[in-house]
PDB file of all heavy atoms in Angstrom:
ATOM      1  N   LEU A   1       0.787  -6.636   7.410  1.00  0.00           N
ATOM      2  CA  LEU A   1       1.691  -5.480   7.410  1.00  0.00           C
ATOM      3  C   LEU A   1       3.106  -5.894   7.821  1.00  0.00           C
ATOM      4  O   LEU A   1       4.090  -5.463   7.211  1.00  0.00           O
ATOM      5  CB  LEU A   1       1.163  -4.391   8.347  1.00  0.00           C
ATOM      6  CG  LEU A   1      -0.087  -3.658   7.871  1.00  0.00           C
ATOM      7  CD1 LEU A   1      -0.664  -2.794   8.983  1.00  0.00           C
ATOM      8  CD2 LEU A   1       0.220  -2.807   6.647  1.00  0.00           C
ATOM      9  N   ASN A   2       3.212  -6.739   8.848  1.00  0.00           N
ATOM     10  CA  ASN A   2       4.528  -7.197   9.308  1.00  0.00           C
ATOM     11  C   ASN A   2       5.224  -8.043   8.249  1.00  0.00           C
ATOM     12  O   ASN A   2       6.432  -7.901   8.022  1.00  0.00           O
ATOM     13  CB  ASN A   2       4.395  -7.974  10.619  1.00  0.00           C
ATOM     14  CG  ASN A   2       4.001  -7.075  11.776  1.00  0.00           C
ATOM     15  OD1 ASN A   2       4.287  -5.884  11.777  1.00  0.00           O
ATOM     16  ND2 ASN A   2       3.332  -7.647  12.768  1.00  0.00           N
ATOM     17  N   GLU A   3       4.464  -8.931   7.598  1.00  0.00           N
ATOM     18  CA  GLU A   3       5.045  -9.767   6.548  1.00  0.00           C
ATOM     19  C   GLU A   3       5.521  -8.919   5.374  1.00  0.00           C
ATOM     20  O   GLU A   3       6.597  -9.157   4.824  1.00  0.00           O
ATOM     21  CB  GLU A   3       4.018 -10.797   6.061  1.00  0.00           C
ATOM     22  CG  GLU A   3       3.718 -11.884   7.065  1.00  0.00           C
ATOM     23  CD  GLU A   3       2.566 -12.779   6.630  1.00  0.00           C
ATOM     24  OE1 GLU A   3       1.914 -12.480   5.594  1.00  0.00           O
ATOM     25  OE2 GLU A   3       2.306 -13.774   7.335  1.00  0.00           O
ATOM     26  N   ALA A   4       4.730  -7.940   4.997  1.00  0.00           N
ATOM     27  CA  ALA A   4       5.111  -7.069   3.884  1.00  0.00           C
ATOM     28  C   ALA A   4       6.372  -6.276   4.220  1.00  0.00           C
ATOM     29  O   ALA A   4       7.265  -6.129   3.376  1.00  0.00           O
ATOM     30  CB  ALA A   4       3.966  -6.130   3.534  1.00  0.00           C
ATOM     31  N   GLU A   5       6.447  -5.794   5.438  1.00  0.00           N
ATOM     32  CA  GLU A   5       7.640  -5.044   5.855  1.00  0.00           C
ATOM     33  C   GLU A   5       8.873  -5.938   5.788  1.00  0.00           C
ATOM     34  O   GLU A   5       9.928  -5.515   5.322  1.00  0.00           O
ATOM     35  CB  GLU A   5       7.444  -4.493   7.267  1.00  0.00           C
ATOM     36  CG  GLU A   5       8.601  -3.644   7.725  1.00  0.00           C
ATOM     37  CD  GLU A   5       8.402  -3.050   9.118  1.00  0.00           C
ATOM     38  OE1 GLU A   5       7.332  -3.261   9.718  1.00  0.00           O
ATOM     39  OE2 GLU A   5       9.333  -2.389   9.589  1.00  0.00           O
ATOM     40  N   ALA A   6       8.731  -7.180   6.242  1.00  0.00           N
ATOM     41  CA  ALA A   6       9.850  -8.121   6.203  1.00  0.00           C
ATOM     42  C   ALA A   6      10.291  -8.404   4.764  1.00  0.00           C
ATOM     43  O   ALA A   6      11.470  -8.656   4.506  1.00  0.00           O
ATOM     44  CB  ALA A   6       9.456  -9.420   6.905  1.00  0.00           C
ATOM     45  N   ARG A   7       9.375  -8.348   3.819  1.00  0.00           N
ATOM     46  CA  ARG A   7       9.691  -8.577   2.400  1.00  0.00           C
ATOM     47  C   ARG A   7      10.232  -7.325   1.719  1.00  0.00           C
ATOM     48  O   ARG A   7      10.567  -7.357   0.537  1.00  0.00           O
ATOM     49  CB  ARG A   7       8.430  -9.007   1.644  1.00  0.00           C
ATOM     50  CG  ARG A   7       7.948 -10.365   1.944  1.00  0.00           C
ATOM     51  CD  ARG A   7       6.806 -10.697   0.967  1.00  0.00           C
ATOM     52  NE  ARG A   7       6.086 -11.825   1.465  1.00  0.00           N
ATOM     53  CZ  ARG A   7       4.777 -11.881   1.686  1.00  0.00           C
ATOM     54  NH1 ARG A   7       4.014 -10.850   1.403  1.00  0.00           N
ATOM     55  NH2 ARG A   7       4.220 -12.952   2.157  1.00  0.00           N
ATOM     56  N   GLY A   8      10.191  -6.213   2.406  1.00  0.00           N
ATOM     57  CA  GLY A   8      10.644  -4.961   1.802  1.00  0.00           C
ATOM     58  C   GLY A   8       9.582  -4.300   0.944  1.00  0.00           C
ATOM     59  O   GLY A   8       9.894  -3.489   0.080  1.00  0.00           O
ATOM     60  N   GLU A   9       8.314  -4.635   1.198  1.00  0.00           N
ATOM     61  CA  GLU A   9       7.222  -4.041   0.436  1.00  0.00           C
ATOM     62  C   GLU A   9       6.733  -2.774   1.125  1.00  0.00           C
ATOM     63  O   GLU A   9       6.894  -2.599   2.326  1.00  0.00           O
ATOM     64  CB  GLU A   9       6.060  -5.033   0.298  1.00  0.00           C
ATOM     65  CG  GLU A   9       6.398  -6.256  -0.520  1.00  0.00           C
ATOM     66  CD  GLU A   9       5.255  -7.240  -0.588  1.00  0.00           C
ATOM     67  OE1 GLU A   9       4.562  -7.452   0.424  1.00  0.00           O
ATOM     68  OE2 GLU A   9       5.057  -7.813  -1.668  1.00  0.00           O
ATOM     69  N   TYR A  10       6.108  -1.923   0.333  1.00  0.00           N
ATOM     70  CA  TYR A  10       5.557  -0.667   0.832  1.00  0.00           C
ATOM     71  C   TYR A  10       4.035  -0.723   0.764  1.00  0.00           C
ATOM     72  O   TYR A  10       3.481  -1.234  -0.202  1.00  0.00           O
ATOM     73  CB  TYR A  10       6.047   0.515  -0.009  1.00  0.00           C
ATOM     74  CG  TYR A  10       7.529   0.718   0.061  1.00  0.00           C
ATOM     75  CD1 TYR A  10       8.384   0.055  -0.819  1.00  0.00           C
ATOM     76  CD2 TYR A  10       8.083   1.559   1.011  1.00  0.00           C
ATOM     77  CE1 TYR A  10       9.756   0.238  -0.753  1.00  0.00           C
ATOM     78  CE2 TYR A  10       9.449   1.753   1.083  1.00  0.00           C
ATOM     79  CZ  TYR A  10      10.283   1.084   0.205  1.00  0.00           C
ATOM     80  OH  TYR A  10      11.629   1.275   0.272  1.00  0.00           O
ATOM     81  N   LEU A  11       3.396  -0.172   1.780  1.00  0.00           N
ATOM     82  CA  LEU A  11       1.939  -0.081   1.790  1.00  0.00           C
ATOM     83  C   LEU A  11       1.531   1.064   0.864  1.00  0.00           C
ATOM     84  O   LEU A  11       1.937   2.207   1.059  1.00  0.00           O
ATOM     85  CB  LEU A  11       1.419   0.166   3.205  1.00  0.00           C
ATOM     86  CG  LEU A  11      -0.092   0.319   3.355  1.00  0.00           C
ATOM     87  CD1 LEU A  11      -0.809  -0.970   2.970  1.00  0.00           C
ATOM     88  CD2 LEU A  11      -0.442   0.709   4.784  1.00  0.00           C
ATOM     89  N   ILE A  12       0.733   0.746  -0.144  1.00  0.00           N
ATOM     90  CA  ILE A  12       0.272   1.737  -1.101  1.00  0.00           C
ATOM     91  C   ILE A  12      -1.128   2.219  -0.752  1.00  0.00           C
ATOM     92  O   ILE A  12      -1.440   3.398  -0.861  1.00  0.00           O
ATOM     93  CB  ILE A  12       0.273   1.153  -2.540  1.00  0.00           C
ATOM     94  CG1 ILE A  12       1.655   0.641  -2.910  1.00  0.00           C
ATOM     95  CG2 ILE A  12      -0.236   2.160  -3.546  1.00  0.00           C
ATOM     96  CD1 ILE A  12       2.748   1.687  -2.917  1.00  0.00           C
ATOM     97  N   GLU A  13      -1.992   1.281  -0.319  1.00  0.00           N
ATOM     98  CA  GLU A  13      -3.372   1.635   0.000  1.00  0.00           C
ATOM     99  C   GLU A  13      -3.879   0.753   1.127  1.00  0.00           C
ATOM    100  O   GLU A  13      -3.595  -0.437   1.172  1.00  0.00           O
ATOM    101  CB  GLU A  13      -4.263   1.464  -1.231  1.00  0.00           C
ATOM    102  CG  GLU A  13      -5.682   1.939  -1.032  1.00  0.00           C
ATOM    103  CD  GLU A  13      -6.506   1.874  -2.322  1.00  0.00           C
ATOM    104  OE1 GLU A  13      -5.930   1.757  -3.402  1.00  0.00           O
ATOM    105  OE2 GLU A  13      -7.737   1.937  -2.207  1.00  0.00           O
ATOM    106  N   ASP A  14      -4.630   1.337   2.034  1.00  0.00           N
ATOM    107  CA  ASP A  14      -5.269   0.637   3.151  1.00  0.00           C
ATOM    108  C   ASP A  14      -6.738   1.038   3.117  1.00  0.00           C
ATOM    109  O   ASP A  14      -7.080   2.158   3.484  1.00  0.00           O
ATOM    110  CB  ASP A  14      -4.612   1.067   4.464  1.00  0.00           C
ATOM    111  CG  ASP A  14      -5.139   0.332   5.678  1.00  0.00           C
ATOM    112  OD1 ASP A  14      -6.138  -0.417   5.555  1.00  0.00           O
ATOM    113  OD2 ASP A  14      -4.562   0.503   6.759  1.00  0.00           O
ATOM    114  N   ALA A  15      -7.592   0.126   2.629  1.00  0.00           N
ATOM    115  CA  ALA A  15      -8.991   0.487   2.400  1.00  0.00           C
ATOM    116  C   ALA A  15      -9.932  -0.359   3.248  1.00  0.00           C
ATOM    117  O   ALA A  15      -9.746  -1.554   3.413  1.00  0.00           O
ATOM    118  CB  ALA A  15      -9.343   0.308   0.930  1.00  0.00           C
ATOM    119  N   ILE A  16     -10.940   0.318   3.789  1.00  0.00           N
ATOM    120  CA  ILE A  16     -12.040  -0.351   4.472  1.00  0.00           C
ATOM    121  C   ILE A  16     -13.315   0.138   3.797  1.00  0.00           C
ATOM    122  O   ILE A  16     -13.718   1.279   3.974  1.00  0.00           O
ATOM    123  CB  ILE A  16     -12.055  -0.028   5.977  1.00  0.00           C
ATOM    124  CG1 ILE A  16     -10.759  -0.497   6.624  1.00  0.00           C
ATOM    125  CG2 ILE A  16     -13.266  -0.675   6.641  1.00  0.00           C
ATOM    126  CD1 ILE A  16     -10.628  -0.121   8.082  1.00  0.00           C
ATOM    127  N   LEU A  17     -13.901  -0.753   3.001  1.00  0.00           N
ATOM    128  CA  LEU A  17     -15.118  -0.432   2.277  1.00  0.00           C
ATOM    129  C   LEU A  17     -16.298  -1.119   2.952  1.00  0.00           C
ATOM    130  O   LEU A  17     -16.134  -1.852   3.928  1.00  0.00           O
ATOM    131  CB  LEU A  17     -14.993  -0.891   0.820  1.00  0.00           C
ATOM    132  CG  LEU A  17     -13.752  -0.367   0.076  1.00  0.00           C
ATOM    133  CD1 LEU A  17     -13.685  -0.956  -1.318  1.00  0.00           C
ATOM    134  CD2 LEU A  17     -13.739   1.143   0.041  1.00  0.00           C
ATOM    135  N   LEU A  18     -17.464  -0.924   2.432  1.00  0.00           N
ATOM    136  CA  LEU A  18     -18.663  -1.515   3.007  1.00  0.00           C
ATOM    137  C   LEU A  18     -18.574  -3.036   3.077  1.00  0.00           C
ATOM    138  O   LEU A  18     -18.887  -3.637   4.104  1.00  0.00           O
ATOM    139  CB  LEU A  18     -19.891  -1.091   2.184  1.00  0.00           C
ATOM    140  CG  LEU A  18     -21.245  -1.500   2.738  1.00  0.00           C
ATOM    141  CD1 LEU A  18     -21.468  -0.911   4.123  1.00  0.00           C
ATOM    142  CD2 LEU A  18     -22.350  -1.043   1.799  1.00  0.00           C
ATOM    143  N   ASN A  19     -18.127  -3.680   2.002  1.00  0.00           N
ATOM    144  CA  ASN A  19     -18.088  -5.138   1.947  1.00  0.00           C
ATOM    145  C   ASN A  19     -16.685  -5.716   1.840  1.00  0.00           C
ATOM    146  O   ASN A  19     -16.536  -6.903   1.566  1.00  0.00           O
ATOM    147  CB  ASN A  19     -18.904  -5.637   0.741  1.00  0.00           C
ATOM    148  CG  ASN A  19     -20.358  -5.260   0.846  1.00  0.00           C
ATOM    149  OD1 ASN A  19     -20.929  -5.286   1.927  1.00  0.00           O
ATOM    150  ND2 ASN A  19     -20.950  -4.878  -0.267  1.00  0.00           N
ATOM    151  N   GLU A  20     -15.668  -4.901   2.022  1.00  0.00           N
ATOM    152  CA  GLU A  20     -14.316  -5.376   1.771  1.00  0.00           C
ATOM    153  C   GLU A  20     -13.298  -4.572   2.569  1.00  0.00           C
ATOM    154  O   GLU A  20     -13.412  -3.362   2.704  1.00  0.00           O
ATOM    155  CB  GLU A  20     -14.034  -5.255   0.268  1.00  0.00           C
ATOM    156  CG  GLU A  20     -12.705  -5.744  -0.168  1.00  0.00           C
ATOM    157  CD  GLU A  20     -12.495  -5.590  -1.673  1.00  0.00           C
ATOM    158  OE1 GLU A  20     -13.092  -4.681  -2.291  1.00  0.00           O
ATOM    159  OE2 GLU A  20     -11.717  -6.369  -2.226  1.00  0.00           O
ATOM    160  N   LYS A  21     -12.288  -5.289   3.079  1.00  0.00           N
ATOM    161  CA  LYS A  21     -11.125  -4.659   3.714  1.00  0.00           C
ATOM    162  C   LYS A  21      -9.910  -5.198   2.977  1.00  0.00           C
ATOM    163  O   LYS A  21      -9.770  -6.405   2.797  1.00  0.00           O
ATOM    164  CB  LYS A  21     -11.024  -5.046   5.182  1.00  0.00           C
ATOM    165  CG  LYS A  21     -12.167  -4.569   6.044  1.00  0.00           C
ATOM    166  CD  LYS A  21     -11.979  -5.076   7.466  1.00  0.00           C
ATOM    167  CE  LYS A  21     -13.169  -4.712   8.329  1.00  0.00           C
ATOM    168  NZ  LYS A  21     -13.011  -5.239   9.688  1.00  0.00           N
ATOM    169  N   TYR A  22      -9.042  -4.293   2.532  1.00  0.00           N
ATOM    170  CA  TYR A  22      -7.876  -4.783   1.809  1.00  0.00           C
ATOM    171  C   TYR A  22      -6.689  -3.848   1.975  1.00  0.00           C
ATOM    172  O   TYR A  22      -6.825  -2.683   2.340  1.00  0.00           O
ATOM    173  CB  TYR A  22      -8.179  -4.999   0.329  1.00  0.00           C
ATOM    174  CG  TYR A  22      -8.505  -3.746  -0.446  1.00  0.00           C
ATOM    175  CD1 TYR A  22      -7.505  -2.969  -1.013  1.00  0.00           C
ATOM    176  CD2 TYR A  22      -9.826  -3.352  -0.644  1.00  0.00           C
ATOM    177  CE1 TYR A  22      -7.807  -1.829  -1.737  1.00  0.00           C
ATOM    178  CE2 TYR A  22     -10.141  -2.218  -1.378  1.00  0.00           C
ATOM    179  CZ  TYR A  22      -9.121  -1.460  -1.920  1.00  0.00           C
ATOM    180  OH  TYR A  22      -9.420  -0.331  -2.637  1.00  0.00           O
ATOM    181  N   LEU A  23      -5.522  -4.421   1.673  1.00  0.00           N
ATOM    182  CA  LEU A  23      -4.262  -3.684   1.647  1.00  0.00           C
ATOM    183  C   LEU A  23      -3.650  -3.894   0.272  1.00  0.00           C
ATOM    184  O   LEU A  23      -3.770  -4.978  -0.307  1.00  0.00           O
ATOM    185  CB  LEU A  23      -3.307  -4.220   2.715  1.00  0.00           C
ATOM    186  CG  LEU A  23      -3.810  -4.200   4.156  1.00  0.00           C
ATOM    187  CD1 LEU A  23      -2.874  -4.995   5.049  1.00  0.00           C
ATOM    188  CD2 LEU A  23      -3.948  -2.786   4.652  1.00  0.00           C
ATOM    189  N   ILE A  24      -3.008  -2.874  -0.233  1.00  0.00           N
ATOM    190  CA  ILE A  24      -2.265  -3.006  -1.486  1.00  0.00           C
ATOM    191  C   ILE A  24      -0.807  -2.689  -1.182  1.00  0.00           C
ATOM    192  O   ILE A  24      -0.494  -1.662  -0.567  1.00  0.00           O
ATOM    193  CB  ILE A  24      -2.810  -2.069  -2.582  1.00  0.00           C
ATOM    194  CG1 ILE A  24      -4.237  -2.489  -2.947  1.00  0.00           C
ATOM    195  CG2 ILE A  24      -1.898  -2.096  -3.820  1.00  0.00           C
ATOM    196  CD1 ILE A  24      -4.881  -1.635  -4.011  1.00  0.00           C
ATOM    197  N   PHE A  25       0.065  -3.594  -1.601  1.00  0.00           N
ATOM    198  CA  PHE A  25       1.499  -3.459  -1.386  1.00  0.00           C
ATOM    199  C   PHE A  25       2.217  -3.411  -2.719  1.00  0.00           C
ATOM    200  O   PHE A  25       1.751  -3.943  -3.717  1.00  0.00           O
ATOM    201  CB  PHE A  25       2.043  -4.654  -0.592  1.00  0.00           C
ATOM    202  CG  PHE A  25       1.438  -4.817   0.760  1.00  0.00           C
ATOM    203  CD1 PHE A  25       0.438  -5.753   0.980  1.00  0.00           C
ATOM    204  CD2 PHE A  25       1.858  -4.042   1.831  1.00  0.00           C
ATOM    205  CE1 PHE A  25      -0.128  -5.919   2.236  1.00  0.00           C
ATOM    206  CE2 PHE A  25       1.295  -4.191   3.087  1.00  0.00           C
ATOM    207  CZ  PHE A  25       0.306  -5.138   3.288  1.00  0.00           C
ATOM    208  N   ASP A  26       3.400  -2.785  -2.702  1.00  0.00           N
ATOM    209  CA  ASP A  26       4.251  -2.771  -3.888  1.00  0.00           C
ATOM    210  C   ASP A  26       5.695  -2.819  -3.425  1.00  0.00           C
ATOM    211  O   ASP A  26       6.016  -2.459  -2.283  1.00  0.00           O
ATOM    212  CB  ASP A  26       4.001  -1.505  -4.713  1.00  0.00           C
ATOM    213  CG  ASP A  26       4.493  -1.636  -6.145  1.00  0.00           C
ATOM    214  OD1 ASP A  26       5.164  -2.639  -6.476  1.00  0.00           O
ATOM    215  OD2 ASP A  26       4.203  -0.742  -6.948  1.00  0.00           O
ATOM    216  N   THR A  27       6.579  -3.258  -4.314  1.00  0.00           N
ATOM    217  CA  THR A  27       7.997  -3.324  -3.975  1.00  0.00           C
ATOM    218  C   THR A  27       8.691  -1.984  -4.146  1.00  0.00           C
ATOM    219  O   THR A  27       9.788  -1.787  -3.635  1.00  0.00           O
ATOM    220  CB  THR A  27       8.707  -4.382  -4.839  1.00  0.00           C
ATOM    221  OG1 THR A  27       8.455  -4.087  -6.211  1.00  0.00           O
ATOM    222  CG2 THR A  27       8.206  -5.778  -4.520  1.00  0.00           C
ATOM    223  N   ALA A  28       8.045  -1.065  -4.843  1.00  0.00           N
ATOM    224  CA  ALA A  28       8.596   0.284  -5.021  1.00  0.00           C
ATOM    225  C   ALA A  28       7.892   1.235  -4.056  1.00  0.00           C
ATOM    226  O   ALA A  28       6.699   1.097  -3.807  1.00  0.00           O
ATOM    227  CB  ALA A  28       8.383   0.757  -6.449  1.00  0.00           C
ATOM    228  N   PRO A  29       8.628   2.195  -3.514  1.00  0.00           N
ATOM    229  CA  PRO A  29       7.981   3.153  -2.611  1.00  0.00           C
ATOM    230  C   PRO A  29       6.947   3.982  -3.359  1.00  0.00           C
ATOM    231  O   PRO A  29       7.062   4.187  -4.570  1.00  0.00           O
ATOM    232  CB  PRO A  29       9.131   4.034  -2.119  1.00  0.00           C
ATOM    233  CG  PRO A  29      10.230   3.834  -3.083  1.00  0.00           C
ATOM    234  CD  PRO A  29      10.033   2.486  -3.717  1.00  0.00           C
ATOM    235  N   PRO A  30       5.917   4.454  -2.646  1.00  0.00           N
ATOM    236  CA  PRO A  30       4.911   5.288  -3.301  1.00  0.00           C
ATOM    237  C   PRO A  30       5.545   6.562  -3.846  1.00  0.00           C
ATOM    238  O   PRO A  30       6.432   7.144  -3.226  1.00  0.00           O
ATOM    239  CB  PRO A  30       3.907   5.612  -2.197  1.00  0.00           C
ATOM    240  CG  PRO A  30       4.370   4.921  -0.972  1.00  0.00           C
ATOM    241  CD  PRO A  30       5.672   4.250  -1.244  1.00  0.00           C
ATOM    242  N   GLN A  31       5.104   6.967  -5.020  1.00  0.00           N
ATOM    243  CA  GLN A  31       5.618   8.177  -5.647  1.00  0.00           C
ATOM    244  C   GLN A  31       4.762   9.373  -5.236  1.00  0.00           C
ATOM    245  O   GLN A  31       3.546   9.261  -5.141  1.00  0.00           O
ATOM    246  CB  GLN A  31       5.579   8.039  -7.169  1.00  0.00           C
ATOM    247  CG  GLN A  31       6.444   6.916  -7.690  1.00  0.00           C
ATOM    248  CD  GLN A  31       7.920   7.181  -7.474  1.00  0.00           C
ATOM    249  OE1 GLN A  31       8.391   8.299  -7.629  1.00  0.00           O
ATOM    250  NE2 GLN A  31       8.647   6.161  -7.088  1.00  0.00           N
ATOM    251  N   ALA A  32       5.413  10.469  -5.023  1.00  0.00           N
ATOM    252  CA  ALA A  32       4.676  11.705  -4.735  1.00  0.00           C
ATOM    253  C   ALA A  32       3.932  12.108  -6.001  1.00  0.00           C
ATOM    254  O   ALA A  32       4.463  11.984  -7.106  1.00  0.00           O
ATOM    255  CB  ALA A  32       5.634  12.810  -4.319  1.00  0.00           C
ATOM    256  N   PRO A  33       2.709  12.564  -5.853  1.00  0.00           N
ATOM    257  CA  PRO A  33       1.968  12.972  -7.048  1.00  0.00           C
ATOM    258  C   PRO A  33       2.660  14.150  -7.740  1.00  0.00           C
ATOM    259  O   PRO A  33       3.178  15.048  -7.084  1.00  0.00           O
ATOM    260  CB  PRO A  33       0.598  13.375  -6.516  1.00  0.00           C
ATOM    261  CG  PRO A  33       0.754  13.547  -5.048  1.00  0.00           C
ATOM    262  CD  PRO A  33       1.963  12.771  -4.632  1.00  0.00           C
ATOM    263  N   GLN A  34       2.681  14.112  -9.059  1.00  0.00           N
ATOM    264  CA  GLN A  34       3.294  15.178  -9.839  1.00  0.00           C
ATOM    265  C   GLN A  34       2.321  16.349  -9.933  1.00  0.00           C
ATOM    266  O   GLN A  34       1.121  16.152 -10.084  1.00  0.00           O
ATOM    267  CB  GLN A  34       3.627  14.667 -11.247  1.00  0.00           C
ATOM    268  CG  GLN A  34       4.643  13.544 -11.244  1.00  0.00           C
ATOM    269  CD  GLN A  34       5.981  13.988 -10.691  1.00  0.00           C
ATOM    270  OE1 GLN A  34       6.467  15.077 -11.012  1.00  0.00           O
ATOM    271  NE2 GLN A  34       6.584  13.175  -9.856  1.00  0.00           N
ATOM    272  N   PRO A  35       2.836  17.562  -9.835  1.00  0.00           N
ATOM    273  CA  PRO A  35       1.938  18.721  -9.939  1.00  0.00           C
ATOM    274  C   PRO A  35       1.343  18.829 -11.345  1.00  0.00           C
ATOM    275  O   PRO A  35       1.993  18.483 -12.328  1.00  0.00           O
ATOM    276  CB  PRO A  35       2.845  19.909  -9.631  1.00  0.00           C
ATOM    277  CG  PRO A  35       4.230  19.426  -9.864  1.00  0.00           C
ATOM    278  CD  PRO A  35       4.216  17.943  -9.641  1.00  0.00           C
ATOM    279  N   THR A  36       0.124  19.315 -11.395  1.00  0.00           N
ATOM    280  CA  THR A  36      -0.535  19.530 -12.686  1.00  0.00           C
ATOM    281  C   THR A  36       0.026  20.802 -13.316  1.00  0.00           C
ATOM    282  O   THR A  36       0.637  21.630 -12.628  1.00  0.00           O
ATOM    283  CB  THR A  36      -2.055  19.696 -12.500  1.00  0.00           C
ATOM    284  OG1 THR A  36      -2.289  20.898 -11.758  1.00  0.00           O
ATOM    285  CG2 THR A  36      -2.669  18.504 -11.783  1.00  0.00           C
TER     286      THR A  36
END
């Protein structure tokens, strides 16, 4: 998380699954979901 912040990346997803823990980062900020 600290390294990503230093790179200017945004946290998109923080998942803890049964067999896996992962983070997803992107250089663009997360977009608000568009209304249906």
